[in-house]
């Protein structure tokens, strides 16, 4: 009996290892050019950090898919990487270079969970197969925007999640955004509109 139990535990270890959230830390730098504002340069440093994090997420997802015998295309890995990566915190530091230019270094922390990757792959195919009409076509890639109050709003269509960041950290998360829209939650609808997301597509 002890031998059987030990074998079961050993067989389960790889599965549980992959099921746990995988944390990623990535950095991005940007040198502010002539005519640029510090805010714009900071955003570009953050964008470079996110690109690096998405690349790391892609390597992890590709490894996971091979372990689970999921035949993911390169495009699917790229899209799922951007969709599954959830940024949990970010910070930006600015330094003065020897020639007097401003350099920005952004560091972000995010997590990737693969528990539901098969379901998200089906959702990806569903989004991709939606008729490409401007009135009905939903977004596939995550979109984000800085708000006047300094917060950042991010909508992730694959996760069906809306996240608000303040001071580089999550302050509010709306899971299952489609349900909020169908319930006519005006606050969520307003946030989606501010991101340029066609929320009416979520009513279908």
Protein backbone atom coordinates (compact mmCIF):
# COMPACT_ATOMS: atom_id res chain seq x y z
CA UNK A 1 0.00 0.00 0.00
CA UNK A 2 2.83 2.41 0.86
CA UNK A 3 4.48 1.64 -2.48
CA UNK A 4 1.26 2.39 -4.38
CA UNK A 5 0.79 5.65 -2.49
CA UNK A 6 4.37 6.69 -3.25
CA UNK A 7 3.89 5.94 -6.96
CA UNK A 8 0.70 8.01 -7.06
CA UNK A 9 2.48 10.93 -5.42
CA UNK A 10 5.36 10.74 -7.88
CA UNK A 11 3.03 10.59 -10.84
CA UNK A 12 1.14 13.65 -9.63
CA UNK A 13 4.17 15.86 -9.00
CA UNK A 14 4.62 17.17 -12.58
CA UNK A 15 0.93 18.00 -12.90
CA UNK A 16 0.80 19.98 -9.67
CA UNK A 17 4.03 21.77 -10.50
CA UNK A 18 2.54 23.07 -13.72
CA UNK A 19 -0.83 23.84 -12.13
CA UNK A 20 0.73 26.26 -9.68
CA UNK A 21 1.02 29.91 -10.71
CA UNK A 22 4.31 30.67 -12.42
CA UNK A 23 5.75 34.05 -11.46
CA UNK A 24 7.76 36.12 -13.91
CA UNK A 25 9.95 39.17 -13.34
CA UNK A 26 11.06 41.21 -16.33
CA UNK A 27 12.78 44.54 -16.94
CA UNK A 28 12.73 47.01 -19.77
CA UNK A 29 14.77 50.14 -20.40
CA UNK A 30 14.24 53.21 -22.52
CA UNK A 31 16.37 56.29 -23.15
CA UNK A 32 14.29 59.45 -23.42
CA UNK A 33 14.82 61.25 -26.70
CA UNK A 34 14.61 64.91 -27.66
CA UNK A 35 11.07 66.25 -27.56
CA UNK A 36 9.74 63.34 -25.49
CA UNK A 37 8.07 63.74 -22.13
CA UNK A 38 9.15 61.70 -19.07
CA UNK A 39 5.66 60.15 -18.94
CA UNK A 40 5.92 58.91 -22.53
CA UNK A 41 9.43 57.54 -21.94
CA UNK A 42 8.23 55.76 -18.78
CA UNK A 43 5.39 54.12 -20.69
CA UNK A 44 7.82 52.88 -23.34
CA UNK A 45 10.08 51.37 -20.67
CA UNK A 46 7.05 49.57 -19.21
CA UNK A 47 6.08 48.36 -22.67
CA UNK A 48 9.56 46.92 -23.19
CA UNK A 49 9.33 45.16 -19.82
CA UNK A 50 5.94 43.68 -20.75
CA UNK A 51 7.33 42.43 -24.06
CA UNK A 52 10.13 40.68 -22.20
CA UNK A 53 7.63 39.15 -19.75
CA UNK A 54 5.44 37.91 -22.61
CA UNK A 55 8.46 36.21 -24.18
CA UNK A 56 9.17 34.45 -20.87
CA UNK A 57 5.51 33.46 -20.57
CA UNK A 58 5.66 32.03 -24.10
CA UNK A 59 8.58 29.77 -23.19
CA UNK A 60 6.70 28.52 -20.13
CA UNK A 61 3.43 27.94 -22.01
CA UNK A 62 5.23 26.14 -24.84
CA UNK A 63 6.91 23.85 -22.30
CA UNK A 64 3.57 23.22 -20.59
CA UNK A 65 1.81 22.45 -23.87
CA UNK A 66 4.44 19.88 -24.79
CA UNK A 67 4.07 18.19 -21.41
CA UNK A 68 0.28 18.07 -21.80
CA UNK A 69 0.48 17.01 -25.47
CA UNK A 70 -1.33 20.18 -26.58
CA UNK A 71 -0.55 21.01 -30.20
CA UNK A 72 -0.27 24.80 -30.02
CA UNK A 73 0.78 26.80 -33.07
CA UNK A 74 3.37 29.55 -32.75
CA UNK A 75 0.65 32.19 -33.14
CA UNK A 76 -1.45 30.53 -30.41
CA UNK A 77 1.54 30.50 -28.04
CA UNK A 78 2.15 34.20 -28.70
CA UNK A 79 -1.49 35.18 -28.20
CA UNK A 80 -1.99 32.99 -25.14
CA UNK A 81 1.22 34.36 -23.61
CA UNK A 82 -0.12 37.89 -23.80
CA UNK A 83 -3.52 36.77 -22.56
CA UNK A 84 -2.40 34.57 -19.67
CA UNK A 85 0.20 36.96 -18.30
CA UNK A 86 -1.29 38.96 -15.44
CA UNK A 87 0.85 41.88 -14.29
CA UNK A 88 0.60 42.14 -10.51
CA UNK A 89 3.02 44.99 -9.84
CA UNK A 90 5.33 47.39 -11.61
CA UNK A 91 7.87 50.08 -10.79
CA UNK A 92 9.99 52.49 -12.80
CA UNK A 93 13.29 54.09 -11.89
CA UNK A 94 14.90 56.98 -13.72
CA UNK A 95 18.63 57.69 -13.85
CA UNK A 96 20.77 60.35 -15.45
CA UNK A 97 23.35 59.03 -17.91
CA UNK A 98 26.88 60.41 -18.18
CA UNK A 99 25.88 62.55 -21.16
CA UNK A 100 22.91 64.05 -19.31
CA UNK A 101 20.12 61.98 -20.86
CA UNK A 102 17.29 60.42 -18.82
CA UNK A 103 17.19 56.63 -18.77
CA UNK A 104 14.12 54.75 -17.53
CA UNK A 105 14.22 51.19 -16.19
CA UNK A 106 10.91 49.42 -15.61
CA UNK A 107 10.48 46.21 -13.64
CA UNK A 108 7.24 44.25 -13.65
CA UNK A 109 6.11 41.14 -11.82
CA UNK A 110 3.44 38.94 -13.32
CA UNK A 111 2.05 35.45 -13.05
CA UNK A 112 0.96 32.85 -15.54
CA UNK A 113 -1.56 30.15 -14.65
CA UNK A 114 -2.11 27.23 -17.02
CA UNK A 115 -4.90 25.42 -15.16
CA UNK A 116 -7.44 26.45 -17.78
CA UNK A 117 -5.26 26.69 -20.86
CA UNK A 118 -7.40 24.23 -22.88
CA UNK A 119 -10.54 26.27 -22.16
CA UNK A 120 -8.75 29.52 -23.02
CA UNK A 121 -7.55 27.99 -26.27
CA UNK A 122 -11.16 27.24 -27.19
CA UNK A 123 -12.10 30.81 -26.27
CA UNK A 124 -9.28 32.08 -28.47
CA UNK A 125 -10.63 30.09 -31.42
CA UNK A 126 -14.11 31.43 -30.67
CA UNK A 127 -12.87 35.03 -30.68
CA UNK A 128 -10.90 34.46 -33.87
CA UNK A 129 -13.91 32.96 -35.63
CA UNK A 130 -16.18 35.91 -34.83
CA UNK A 131 -17.23 37.72 -38.04
CA UNK A 132 -14.83 40.60 -38.63
CA UNK A 133 -17.46 43.32 -38.51
CA UNK A 134 -16.50 46.59 -36.74
CA UNK A 135 -19.81 46.48 -34.88
CA UNK A 136 -19.36 42.97 -33.47
CA UNK A 137 -15.68 42.05 -33.57
CA UNK A 138 -14.29 41.76 -30.01
CA UNK A 139 -10.64 42.40 -29.21
CA UNK A 140 -8.34 39.43 -28.63
CA UNK A 141 -5.16 41.02 -27.28
CA UNK A 142 -5.14 42.76 -23.86
CA UNK A 143 -5.62 46.53 -23.96
CA UNK A 144 -4.69 49.08 -21.31
CA UNK A 145 -4.86 52.82 -20.76
CA UNK A 146 -3.64 55.39 -18.28
CA UNK A 147 -6.55 57.25 -16.67
CA UNK A 148 -6.61 60.96 -15.66
CA UNK A 149 -6.35 60.02 -11.97
CA UNK A 150 -3.05 58.19 -12.60
CA UNK A 151 -4.50 54.69 -12.43
CA UNK A 152 -4.18 52.17 -15.25
CA UNK A 153 -7.05 50.06 -16.56
CA UNK A 154 -6.37 46.75 -18.30
CA UNK A 155 -8.88 44.52 -20.09
CA UNK A 156 -7.90 40.93 -20.85
CA UNK A 157 -10.44 39.33 -23.24
CA UNK A 158 -9.01 35.82 -22.96
CA UNK A 159 -9.37 35.85 -19.17
CA UNK A 160 -12.57 37.94 -19.45
CA UNK A 161 -11.07 40.16 -16.76
CA UNK A 162 -10.83 43.89 -16.10
CA UNK A 163 -8.06 45.07 -13.76
CA UNK A 164 -7.38 48.49 -12.27
CA UNK A 165 -3.84 49.35 -11.14
CA UNK A 166 -2.93 52.16 -8.75
CA UNK A 167 0.65 53.00 -7.82
CA UNK A 168 1.84 49.98 -9.80
CA UNK A 169 -0.32 47.47 -7.92
CA UNK A 170 -3.69 45.84 -8.45
CA UNK A 171 -6.43 47.74 -6.67
CA UNK A 172 -9.53 46.17 -8.25
CA UNK A 173 -10.24 43.10 -10.37
CA UNK A 174 -13.50 42.42 -12.21
CA UNK A 175 -13.65 38.73 -13.14
CA UNK A 176 -16.11 37.50 -15.79
CA UNK A 177 -16.58 40.93 -17.34
CA UNK A 178 -19.21 39.58 -19.73
CA UNK A 179 -21.53 39.03 -16.76
CA UNK A 180 -21.10 42.65 -15.59
CA UNK A 181 -21.89 43.91 -19.08
CA UNK A 182 -24.94 41.69 -19.42
CA UNK A 183 -26.11 42.99 -16.03
CA UNK A 184 -25.73 46.54 -17.44
CA UNK A 185 -23.06 47.58 -14.91
CA UNK A 186 -22.50 51.16 -16.05
CA UNK A 187 -19.12 51.50 -14.31
CA UNK A 188 -17.64 48.47 -16.09
CA UNK A 189 -19.19 49.54 -19.39
CA UNK A 190 -17.67 53.02 -18.99
CA UNK A 191 -14.22 51.53 -18.32
CA UNK A 192 -14.49 49.34 -21.43
CA UNK A 193 -15.56 52.34 -23.50
CA UNK A 194 -12.57 54.33 -22.23
CA UNK A 195 -10.35 51.51 -23.54
CA UNK A 196 -12.05 51.56 -26.92
CA UNK A 197 -13.52 48.07 -26.35
CA UNK A 198 -16.78 47.32 -28.13
CA UNK A 199 -18.66 46.07 -25.05
CA UNK A 200 -21.79 45.36 -27.11
CA UNK A 201 -19.95 42.37 -28.59
CA UNK A 202 -20.00 40.86 -25.08
CA UNK A 203 -23.81 40.80 -25.11
CA UNK A 204 -23.85 38.05 -27.72
